[in-house]
Amino acid sequence: MERGFTDGKNRRGLLGLLAAALLATLALVVPGTAQATNITDSLVVSVGNSAACQTANPADVNLGAYSPTGTGDIAGTTSVGVRCNGCIDGQGNNKCNGKNKLMYTVSLSSANGWKLKGSSPTDLIPYRIYKPDGVTLWNATSVIGPTQGANAWVYYTANVKAAQGVDVPVGNYSDTVTVTVIY
């Protein structure tokens, strides 16, 4: 004899299976009856600190009165300030000298080839800028650094001397000097 769903035993089994499926569905739908699942992840918080240098605005130098018939030098001074921080440049290179001090050079360049220029392109008075020792020329090849400490200002005295005795017309003479810090 074949058994079908009309058999009491099979019917109870089917009803039990339907009841279990209904309870499982309600557990997913009714709030508070489902199991909570936690997932975690992480993130990294970081900041980069690259080596950086800056200069303080050096004061202009006024050499005073110039004499085309004078002898010797007329002189003046200014101060060039440099402040650097960090040891790693923007390309990830370590620029420190092993003592947590950033190595750098300070070079000077002249717009007029180290000549004070008057109103005419031929009216020129030669001059030089010397390092703090007053003897060594300070130009594009001068090495000055390292810093004396992280983020500290270091000031260098620039001694400016112009030779008198050049026969030039009366007027104002000037040059623009660019201070470059290479690190």
N, C-alpha and C. Protein backbone atom coordinates (compact mmCIF):
# COMPACT_ATOMS: atom_id res chain seq x y z
N MET A 1 0.83 -1.15 0.00
CA MET A 1 0.00 0.00 0.00
C MET A 1 0.89 1.23 0.00
N GLU A 2 0.52 2.18 -0.80
CA GLU A 2 1.29 3.42 -0.88
C GLU A 2 0.84 4.38 0.18
N ARG A 3 1.86 5.06 0.65
CA ARG A 3 1.54 6.07 1.67
C ARG A 3 1.57 7.44 1.04
N GLY A 4 0.71 8.30 1.40
CA GLY A 4 0.65 9.67 0.89
C GLY A 4 0.59 10.64 2.04
N PHE A 5 0.20 11.84 1.73
CA PHE A 5 0.10 12.86 2.77
C PHE A 5 -1.12 12.68 3.64
N THR A 6 -1.94 11.80 3.27
CA THR A 6 -3.14 11.56 4.07
C THR A 6 -2.81 10.69 5.25
N ASP A 7 -1.70 10.07 5.22
CA ASP A 7 -1.26 9.23 6.33
C ASP A 7 -0.95 10.12 7.51
N GLY A 8 -1.36 9.84 8.66
CA GLY A 8 -1.20 10.65 9.85
C GLY A 8 0.26 10.85 10.21
N LYS A 9 1.07 9.86 10.01
CA LYS A 9 2.48 9.95 10.37
C LYS A 9 3.19 10.93 9.45
N ASN A 10 2.93 10.84 8.19
CA ASN A 10 3.57 11.75 7.23
C ASN A 10 3.06 13.18 7.40
N ARG A 11 1.81 13.30 7.74
CA ARG A 11 1.24 14.61 7.94
C ARG A 11 1.90 15.29 9.13
N ARG A 12 2.11 14.59 10.21
CA ARG A 12 2.77 15.17 11.38
C ARG A 12 4.20 15.57 11.03
N GLY A 13 4.87 14.78 10.26
CA GLY A 13 6.24 15.10 9.85
C GLY A 13 6.30 16.35 8.98
N LEU A 14 5.35 16.45 8.08
CA LEU A 14 5.27 17.61 7.21
C LEU A 14 4.91 18.85 8.00
N LEU A 15 3.98 18.74 8.94
CA LEU A 15 3.60 19.88 9.78
C LEU A 15 4.77 20.34 10.63
N GLY A 16 5.53 19.39 11.14
CA GLY A 16 6.71 19.74 11.95
C GLY A 16 7.75 20.47 11.11
N LEU A 17 7.93 20.00 9.90
CA LEU A 17 8.90 20.65 8.99
C LEU A 17 8.45 22.05 8.65
N LEU A 18 7.16 22.25 8.38
CA LEU A 18 6.62 23.58 8.08
C LEU A 18 6.73 24.50 9.29
N ALA A 19 6.47 23.99 10.48
CA ALA A 19 6.57 24.80 11.70
C ALA A 19 8.01 25.24 11.92
N ALA A 20 8.98 24.36 11.70
CA ALA A 20 10.38 24.72 11.88
C ALA A 20 10.79 25.78 10.86
N ALA A 21 10.32 25.67 9.62
CA ALA A 21 10.63 26.65 8.59
C ALA A 21 10.02 28.00 8.94
N LEU A 22 8.78 28.00 9.49
CA LEU A 22 8.12 29.24 9.89
C LEU A 22 8.87 29.91 11.02
N LEU A 23 9.31 29.16 12.02
CA LEU A 23 10.06 29.72 13.14
C LEU A 23 11.40 30.30 12.66
N ALA A 24 12.06 29.64 11.75
CA ALA A 24 13.33 30.13 11.22
C ALA A 24 13.12 31.43 10.46
N THR A 25 12.05 31.53 9.70
CA THR A 25 11.74 32.74 8.97
C THR A 25 11.41 33.88 9.91
N LEU A 26 10.61 33.61 10.95
CA LEU A 26 10.28 34.63 11.94
C LEU A 26 11.53 35.11 12.68
N ALA A 27 12.47 34.26 12.91
CA ALA A 27 13.69 34.65 13.60
C ALA A 27 14.47 35.66 12.76
N LEU A 28 14.36 35.56 11.45
CA LEU A 28 15.04 36.53 10.59
C LEU A 28 14.29 37.84 10.48
N VAL A 29 12.97 37.80 10.63
CA VAL A 29 12.13 38.98 10.42
C VAL A 29 11.84 39.72 11.71
N VAL A 30 11.57 39.02 12.80
CA VAL A 30 11.17 39.66 14.05
C VAL A 30 12.41 40.23 14.74
N PRO A 31 12.42 41.54 15.07
CA PRO A 31 13.57 42.14 15.72
C PRO A 31 13.81 41.53 17.09
N GLY A 32 15.08 41.45 17.46
CA GLY A 32 15.43 40.96 18.77
C GLY A 32 15.53 39.45 18.87
N THR A 33 15.13 38.78 17.83
CA THR A 33 15.19 37.32 17.91
C THR A 33 16.36 36.76 17.12
N ALA A 34 17.03 37.61 16.31
CA ALA A 34 18.13 37.11 15.49
C ALA A 34 19.45 37.22 16.25
N GLN A 35 20.39 36.39 15.89
CA GLN A 35 21.73 36.45 16.46
C GLN A 35 22.49 37.61 15.80
N ALA A 36 23.20 38.44 16.60
CA ALA A 36 23.99 39.55 16.06
C ALA A 36 25.34 39.01 15.62
N THR A 37 25.84 39.54 14.51
CA THR A 37 27.15 39.18 14.02
C THR A 37 28.00 40.44 14.01
N ASN A 38 29.18 40.37 14.58
CA ASN A 38 30.09 41.51 14.61
C ASN A 38 31.23 41.26 13.64
N ILE A 39 31.56 42.30 12.89
CA ILE A 39 32.76 42.25 12.08
C ILE A 39 33.60 43.46 12.47
N THR A 40 34.89 43.33 12.43
CA THR A 40 35.76 44.44 12.76
C THR A 40 36.77 44.66 11.66
N ASP A 41 37.28 45.86 11.60
CA ASP A 41 38.31 46.23 10.66
C ASP A 41 39.17 47.27 11.35
N SER A 42 40.24 47.69 10.75
CA SER A 42 41.11 48.68 11.38
C SER A 42 41.53 49.72 10.36
N LEU A 43 42.01 50.84 10.85
CA LEU A 43 42.54 51.88 9.99
C LEU A 43 43.82 52.40 10.62
N VAL A 44 44.66 53.03 9.82
CA VAL A 44 45.93 53.58 10.29
C VAL A 44 45.83 55.10 10.22
N VAL A 45 46.18 55.76 11.30
CA VAL A 45 46.25 57.21 11.32
C VAL A 45 47.73 57.57 11.30
N SER A 46 48.13 58.41 10.35
CA SER A 46 49.54 58.77 10.26
C SER A 46 49.68 60.20 9.77
N VAL A 47 50.88 60.72 9.94
CA VAL A 47 51.19 62.05 9.44
C VAL A 47 52.64 62.01 8.95
N GLY A 48 52.91 62.72 7.88
CA GLY A 48 54.27 62.78 7.36
C GLY A 48 54.93 64.07 7.77
N ASN A 49 56.21 64.03 8.05
CA ASN A 49 56.97 65.23 8.38
C ASN A 49 58.19 65.24 7.48
N SER A 50 58.17 66.09 6.49
CA SER A 50 59.29 66.18 5.56
C SER A 50 60.23 67.28 5.99
N ALA A 51 61.47 67.12 5.61
CA ALA A 51 62.45 68.16 5.90
C ALA A 51 62.02 69.43 5.18
N ALA A 52 62.16 70.54 5.85
CA ALA A 52 61.81 71.82 5.26
C ALA A 52 62.71 72.89 5.85
N CYS A 53 63.06 73.85 5.02
CA CYS A 53 63.86 74.99 5.48
C CYS A 53 63.18 76.27 5.03
N GLN A 54 63.45 77.31 5.76
CA GLN A 54 62.97 78.63 5.37
C GLN A 54 64.01 79.66 5.76
N THR A 55 63.91 80.83 5.15
CA THR A 55 64.83 81.91 5.47
C THR A 55 64.04 83.06 6.06
N ALA A 56 64.71 83.79 6.97
CA ALA A 56 64.14 85.04 7.46
C ALA A 56 64.48 86.09 6.42
N ASN A 57 63.63 87.05 6.25
CA ASN A 57 63.90 88.10 5.27
C ASN A 57 65.12 88.90 5.70
N PRO A 58 66.24 88.77 4.97
CA PRO A 58 67.42 89.55 5.35
C PRO A 58 67.16 91.03 5.10
N ALA A 59 67.70 91.84 5.97
CA ALA A 59 67.55 93.30 5.82
C ALA A 59 68.40 93.77 4.65
N ASP A 60 67.91 94.78 3.95
CA ASP A 60 68.70 95.39 2.87
C ASP A 60 69.95 96.03 3.46
N VAL A 61 70.98 96.18 2.65
CA VAL A 61 72.24 96.77 3.08
C VAL A 61 72.42 98.10 2.37
N ASN A 62 72.61 99.17 3.14
CA ASN A 62 72.92 100.48 2.59
C ASN A 62 74.37 100.77 2.93
N LEU A 63 75.21 100.88 1.92
CA LEU A 63 76.63 101.08 2.14
C LEU A 63 76.99 102.55 2.38
N GLY A 64 76.00 103.40 2.36
CA GLY A 64 76.28 104.82 2.63
C GLY A 64 76.77 105.55 1.41
N ALA A 65 77.62 106.56 1.63
CA ALA A 65 78.12 107.41 0.54
C ALA A 65 79.31 106.75 -0.14
N TYR A 66 79.28 106.78 -1.46
CA TYR A 66 80.34 106.20 -2.27
C TYR A 66 81.19 107.33 -2.85
N SER A 67 82.49 107.13 -2.87
CA SER A 67 83.39 108.14 -3.43
C SER A 67 84.16 107.57 -4.61
N PRO A 68 83.94 108.12 -5.82
CA PRO A 68 84.70 107.65 -6.97
C PRO A 68 86.20 107.91 -6.83
N THR A 69 86.58 108.82 -5.94
CA THR A 69 88.01 109.11 -5.75
C THR A 69 88.55 108.51 -4.46
N GLY A 70 87.70 107.83 -3.72
CA GLY A 70 88.10 107.26 -2.44
C GLY A 70 88.97 106.02 -2.61
N THR A 71 89.58 105.60 -1.51
CA THR A 71 90.37 104.38 -1.51
C THR A 71 89.81 103.45 -0.43
N GLY A 72 90.11 102.18 -0.54
CA GLY A 72 89.61 101.22 0.44
C GLY A 72 88.17 100.82 0.15
N ASP A 73 87.64 100.04 1.04
CA ASP A 73 86.28 99.52 0.87
C ASP A 73 85.30 100.29 1.75
N ILE A 74 84.07 100.40 1.28
CA ILE A 74 82.98 100.78 2.16
C ILE A 74 82.25 99.49 2.50
N ALA A 75 81.75 99.40 3.72
CA ALA A 75 81.22 98.11 4.16
C ALA A 75 79.90 98.26 4.89
N GLY A 76 79.16 97.18 4.90
CA GLY A 76 77.92 97.07 5.64
C GLY A 76 77.67 95.61 5.95
N THR A 77 76.69 95.34 6.80
CA THR A 77 76.38 93.95 7.15
C THR A 77 74.87 93.73 7.13
N THR A 78 74.50 92.50 7.01
CA THR A 78 73.12 92.07 7.17
C THR A 78 73.16 90.68 7.78
N SER A 79 72.03 90.20 8.17
CA SER A 79 71.94 88.88 8.78
C SER A 79 71.01 88.01 7.94
N VAL A 80 71.49 86.80 7.64
CA VAL A 80 70.69 85.83 6.89
C VAL A 80 70.28 84.73 7.86
N GLY A 81 68.99 84.60 8.12
CA GLY A 81 68.48 83.58 9.04
C GLY A 81 67.98 82.36 8.30
N VAL A 82 68.30 81.19 8.83
CA VAL A 82 67.86 79.92 8.24
C VAL A 82 67.27 79.07 9.36
N ARG A 83 66.13 78.44 9.08
CA ARG A 83 65.52 77.51 10.04
C ARG A 83 65.09 76.28 9.27
N CYS A 84 65.53 75.11 9.75
CA CYS A 84 65.19 73.84 9.11
C CYS A 84 64.62 72.88 10.14
N ASN A 85 63.77 71.99 9.70
CA ASN A 85 63.25 70.94 10.58
C ASN A 85 63.27 69.62 9.84
N GLY A 86 63.29 68.56 10.59
CA GLY A 86 63.22 67.23 10.00
C GLY A 86 64.51 66.80 9.34
N CYS A 87 64.56 65.54 9.00
CA CYS A 87 65.75 64.97 8.35
C CYS A 87 65.41 64.34 7.01
N ILE A 88 64.15 64.11 6.72
CA ILE A 88 63.76 63.39 5.52
C ILE A 88 63.19 64.37 4.51
N ASP A 89 63.76 64.40 3.30
CA ASP A 89 63.25 65.30 2.28
C ASP A 89 62.00 64.72 1.62
N GLY A 90 61.43 65.42 0.69
CA GLY A 90 60.20 65.01 0.03
C GLY A 90 60.30 63.71 -0.75
N GLN A 91 61.53 63.25 -1.06
CA GLN A 91 61.72 61.99 -1.78
C GLN A 91 62.08 60.85 -0.83
N GLY A 92 62.03 61.09 0.49
CA GLY A 92 62.32 60.05 1.46
C GLY A 92 63.79 59.86 1.76
N ASN A 93 64.64 60.79 1.30
CA ASN A 93 66.08 60.68 1.55
C ASN A 93 66.44 61.26 2.91
N ASN A 94 67.29 60.56 3.66
CA ASN A 94 67.73 61.05 4.96
C ASN A 94 68.81 62.10 4.72
N LYS A 95 68.54 63.33 5.16
CA LYS A 95 69.45 64.44 4.93
C LYS A 95 70.21 64.84 6.20
N CYS A 96 70.13 64.03 7.25
CA CYS A 96 70.82 64.37 8.49
C CYS A 96 72.24 63.84 8.49
N ASN A 97 73.05 64.42 9.33
CA ASN A 97 74.45 64.02 9.40
C ASN A 97 74.71 63.05 10.54
N GLY A 98 73.70 62.33 10.99
CA GLY A 98 73.86 61.36 12.05
C GLY A 98 73.66 61.94 13.43
N LYS A 99 73.46 63.23 13.53
CA LYS A 99 73.28 63.87 14.83
C LYS A 99 71.94 64.58 14.90
N ASN A 100 70.99 64.11 14.12
CA ASN A 100 69.65 64.70 14.06
C ASN A 100 69.69 66.17 13.68
N LYS A 101 70.65 66.53 12.83
CA LYS A 101 70.76 67.88 12.31
C LYS A 101 70.72 67.81 10.80
N LEU A 102 69.88 68.61 10.21
CA LEU A 102 69.72 68.62 8.76
C LEU A 102 70.91 69.33 8.12
N MET A 103 71.54 68.69 7.16
CA MET A 103 72.63 69.31 6.42
C MET A 103 72.04 70.22 5.35
N TYR A 104 72.59 71.40 5.21
CA TYR A 104 72.13 72.31 4.17
C TYR A 104 73.26 73.23 3.74
N THR A 105 73.06 73.86 2.61
CA THR A 105 73.97 74.90 2.16
C THR A 105 73.16 76.17 1.94
N VAL A 106 73.80 77.27 2.16
CA VAL A 106 73.19 78.57 1.86
C VAL A 106 74.07 79.22 0.82
N SER A 107 73.51 79.50 -0.33
CA SER A 107 74.30 80.14 -1.38
C SER A 107 73.65 81.46 -1.76
N LEU A 108 74.47 82.34 -2.27
CA LEU A 108 74.01 83.66 -2.70
C LEU A 108 74.30 83.81 -4.19
N SER A 109 73.39 84.46 -4.89
CA SER A 109 73.62 84.74 -6.31
C SER A 109 73.22 86.19 -6.58
N SER A 110 73.92 86.81 -7.49
CA SER A 110 73.74 88.22 -7.80
C SER A 110 73.05 88.40 -9.15
N ALA A 111 72.08 89.28 -9.20
CA ALA A 111 71.38 89.56 -10.46
C ALA A 111 72.29 90.29 -11.45
N ASN A 112 73.27 91.05 -10.94
CA ASN A 112 74.14 91.85 -11.81
C ASN A 112 75.59 91.38 -11.78
N GLY A 113 75.84 90.14 -11.46
CA GLY A 113 77.21 89.63 -11.46
C GLY A 113 78.10 90.27 -10.42
N TRP A 114 77.57 90.49 -9.23
CA TRP A 114 78.29 91.09 -8.10
C TRP A 114 78.76 92.52 -8.42
N LYS A 115 77.85 93.25 -9.08
CA LYS A 115 78.11 94.66 -9.37
C LYS A 115 76.85 95.46 -9.02
N LEU A 116 77.07 96.59 -8.37
CA LEU A 116 75.97 97.52 -8.09
C LEU A 116 75.72 98.29 -9.39
N LYS A 117 74.50 98.29 -9.87
CA LYS A 117 74.17 98.86 -11.16
C LYS A 117 73.49 100.22 -10.97
N GLY A 118 73.93 101.20 -11.79
CA GLY A 118 73.32 102.53 -11.79
C GLY A 118 72.21 102.62 -12.82
N SER A 119 71.92 103.85 -13.24
CA SER A 119 70.82 104.05 -14.19
C SER A 119 71.17 103.56 -15.60
N SER A 120 72.45 103.51 -15.92
CA SER A 120 72.88 103.01 -17.22
C SER A 120 73.46 101.60 -17.03
N PRO A 121 73.28 100.70 -17.99
CA PRO A 121 73.83 99.35 -17.86
C PRO A 121 75.36 99.31 -17.71
N THR A 122 76.03 100.39 -18.10
CA THR A 122 77.49 100.42 -17.99
C THR A 122 77.98 101.07 -16.71
N ASP A 123 77.08 101.64 -15.92
CA ASP A 123 77.44 102.25 -14.64
C ASP A 123 77.43 101.17 -13.57
N LEU A 124 78.61 100.61 -13.28
CA LEU A 124 78.71 99.46 -12.38
C LEU A 124 79.80 99.66 -11.34
N ILE A 125 79.50 99.28 -10.09
CA ILE A 125 80.46 99.31 -9.00
C ILE A 125 80.59 97.88 -8.48
N PRO A 126 81.78 97.27 -8.54
CA PRO A 126 81.95 95.90 -8.06
C PRO A 126 81.86 95.83 -6.53
N TYR A 127 81.32 94.73 -6.06
CA TYR A 127 81.25 94.49 -4.61
C TYR A 127 81.30 92.99 -4.36
N ARG A 128 81.49 92.63 -3.10
CA ARG A 128 81.53 91.23 -2.70
C ARG A 128 80.81 91.07 -1.37
N ILE A 129 80.31 89.86 -1.15
CA ILE A 129 79.72 89.52 0.15
C ILE A 129 80.58 88.41 0.74
N TYR A 130 80.95 88.60 2.00
CA TYR A 130 81.81 87.64 2.68
C TYR A 130 81.04 86.93 3.78
N LYS A 131 81.49 85.71 4.06
CA LYS A 131 80.93 84.95 5.17
C LYS A 131 81.23 85.65 6.49
N PRO A 132 80.68 85.12 7.58
CA PRO A 132 80.89 85.77 8.88
C PRO A 132 82.36 86.00 9.25
N ASP A 133 83.28 85.21 8.70
CA ASP A 133 84.69 85.43 9.04
C ASP A 133 85.25 86.70 8.39
N GLY A 134 84.51 87.31 7.46
CA GLY A 134 84.94 88.55 6.81
C GLY A 134 86.01 88.36 5.76
N VAL A 135 86.46 87.14 5.51
CA VAL A 135 87.55 86.86 4.58
C VAL A 135 87.09 85.98 3.42
N THR A 136 86.28 84.97 3.71
CA THR A 136 85.86 83.98 2.71
C THR A 136 84.66 84.51 1.94
N LEU A 137 84.78 84.52 0.60
CA LEU A 137 83.65 84.96 -0.23
C LEU A 137 82.46 84.04 -0.02
N TRP A 138 81.30 84.67 0.03
CA TRP A 138 80.05 83.91 0.16
C TRP A 138 79.36 84.01 -1.19
N ASN A 139 79.34 82.92 -1.93
CA ASN A 139 78.73 82.93 -3.25
C ASN A 139 77.98 81.62 -3.48
N ALA A 140 77.83 81.23 -4.73
CA ALA A 140 77.02 80.06 -5.05
C ALA A 140 77.65 78.75 -4.61
N THR A 141 78.93 78.74 -4.25
CA THR A 141 79.57 77.49 -3.86
C THR A 141 79.81 77.40 -2.36
N SER A 142 79.33 78.35 -1.59
CA SER A 142 79.60 78.36 -0.15
C SER A 142 78.71 77.39 0.60
N VAL A 143 79.31 76.55 1.43
CA VAL A 143 78.57 75.63 2.28
C VAL A 143 78.55 76.21 3.68
N ILE A 144 77.38 76.25 4.29
CA ILE A 144 77.25 76.84 5.60
C ILE A 144 76.76 75.85 6.65
N GLY A 145 75.69 75.04 6.38
CA GLY A 145 74.99 74.20 7.37
C GLY A 145 75.86 73.18 8.03
N PRO A 146 75.45 72.44 9.02
CA PRO A 146 74.09 72.03 9.37
C PRO A 146 73.42 72.94 10.42
N THR A 147 72.15 72.67 10.63
CA THR A 147 71.42 73.42 11.64
C THR A 147 71.97 73.10 13.02
N GLN A 148 71.73 73.97 13.94
CA GLN A 148 72.18 73.77 15.31
C GLN A 148 71.16 73.03 16.15
N GLY A 149 70.04 72.69 15.59
CA GLY A 149 69.01 71.96 16.32
C GLY A 149 67.73 72.01 15.52
N ALA A 150 66.83 71.14 15.86
CA ALA A 150 65.58 71.05 15.11
C ALA A 150 64.78 72.34 15.26
N ASN A 151 64.39 72.89 14.14
CA ASN A 151 63.48 74.02 14.08
C ASN A 151 64.01 75.28 14.77
N ALA A 152 65.32 75.43 14.88
CA ALA A 152 65.92 76.61 15.51
C ALA A 152 66.43 77.55 14.43
N TRP A 153 66.28 78.85 14.64
CA TRP A 153 66.82 79.84 13.72
C TRP A 153 68.32 79.92 13.91
N VAL A 154 69.07 79.93 12.81
CA VAL A 154 70.50 80.16 12.83
C VAL A 154 70.75 81.38 11.95
N TYR A 155 71.45 82.37 12.50
CA TYR A 155 71.70 83.61 11.76
C TYR A 155 73.17 83.69 11.36
N TYR A 156 73.40 84.08 10.11
CA TYR A 156 74.73 84.24 9.58
C TYR A 156 74.92 85.70 9.18
N THR A 157 76.03 86.29 9.58
CA THR A 157 76.33 87.68 9.22
C THR A 157 76.95 87.71 7.83
N ALA A 158 76.41 88.56 6.99
CA ALA A 158 76.97 88.77 5.66
C ALA A 158 77.67 90.12 5.65
N ASN A 159 78.96 90.11 5.37
CA ASN A 159 79.75 91.34 5.29
C ASN A 159 79.83 91.78 3.84
N VAL A 160 79.33 92.98 3.56
CA VAL A 160 79.27 93.49 2.19
C VAL A 160 80.33 94.58 2.04
N LYS A 161 81.17 94.45 1.01
CA LYS A 161 82.23 95.42 0.78
C LYS A 161 82.24 95.84 -0.69
N ALA A 162 82.29 97.15 -0.92
CA ALA A 162 82.39 97.68 -2.28
C ALA A 162 83.67 98.50 -2.37
N ALA A 163 84.40 98.28 -3.44
CA ALA A 163 85.66 99.00 -3.64
C ALA A 163 85.37 100.41 -4.15
N GLN A 164 85.93 101.39 -3.46
CA GLN A 164 85.80 102.77 -3.92
C GLN A 164 86.83 103.03 -5.01
N GLY A 165 86.69 104.14 -5.69
CA GLY A 165 87.67 104.53 -6.70
C GLY A 165 87.24 104.22 -8.12
N VAL A 166 86.05 103.70 -8.32
CA VAL A 166 85.55 103.45 -9.67
C VAL A 166 84.83 104.73 -10.11
N ASP A 167 85.22 105.27 -11.25
CA ASP A 167 84.66 106.52 -11.73
C ASP A 167 83.29 106.26 -12.37
N VAL A 168 82.25 106.57 -11.63
CA VAL A 168 80.87 106.38 -12.10
C VAL A 168 80.08 107.66 -11.88
N PRO A 169 79.02 107.88 -12.66
CA PRO A 169 78.20 109.07 -12.47
C PRO A 169 77.49 109.06 -11.11
N VAL A 170 77.09 110.24 -10.67
CA VAL A 170 76.32 110.38 -9.44
C VAL A 170 74.98 109.68 -9.63
N GLY A 171 74.51 108.99 -8.60
CA GLY A 171 73.23 108.31 -8.67
C GLY A 171 73.14 107.19 -7.65
N ASN A 172 72.08 106.46 -7.72
CA ASN A 172 71.87 105.31 -6.83
C ASN A 172 72.25 104.03 -7.55
N TYR A 173 72.92 103.15 -6.84
CA TYR A 173 73.39 101.89 -7.40
C TYR A 173 72.87 100.74 -6.52
N SER A 174 72.46 99.67 -7.17
CA SER A 174 71.93 98.55 -6.39
C SER A 174 72.06 97.24 -7.16
N ASP A 175 71.85 96.18 -6.44
CA ASP A 175 71.84 94.83 -6.99
C ASP A 175 70.86 94.01 -6.15
N THR A 176 70.32 92.99 -6.72
CA THR A 176 69.45 92.07 -5.98
C THR A 176 70.20 90.77 -5.79
N VAL A 177 70.29 90.35 -4.52
CA VAL A 177 70.97 89.10 -4.18
C VAL A 177 69.92 88.09 -3.76
N THR A 178 69.97 86.91 -4.35
CA THR A 178 69.04 85.84 -4.01
C THR A 178 69.71 84.89 -3.04
N VAL A 179 69.02 84.61 -1.93
CA VAL A 179 69.50 83.65 -0.93
C VAL A 179 68.81 82.32 -1.22
N THR A 180 69.61 81.27 -1.42
CA THR A 180 69.06 79.95 -1.73
C THR A 180 69.55 78.95 -0.67
N VAL A 181 68.61 78.22 -0.07
CA VAL A 181 68.95 77.17 0.87
C VAL A 181 68.70 75.84 0.17
N ILE A 182 69.73 75.04 0.08
CA ILE A 182 69.63 73.73 -0.56
C ILE A 182 69.80 72.67 0.52
N TYR A 183 68.83 71.76 0.61
CA TYR A 183 68.89 70.71 1.63
C TYR A 183 68.42 69.40 1.08
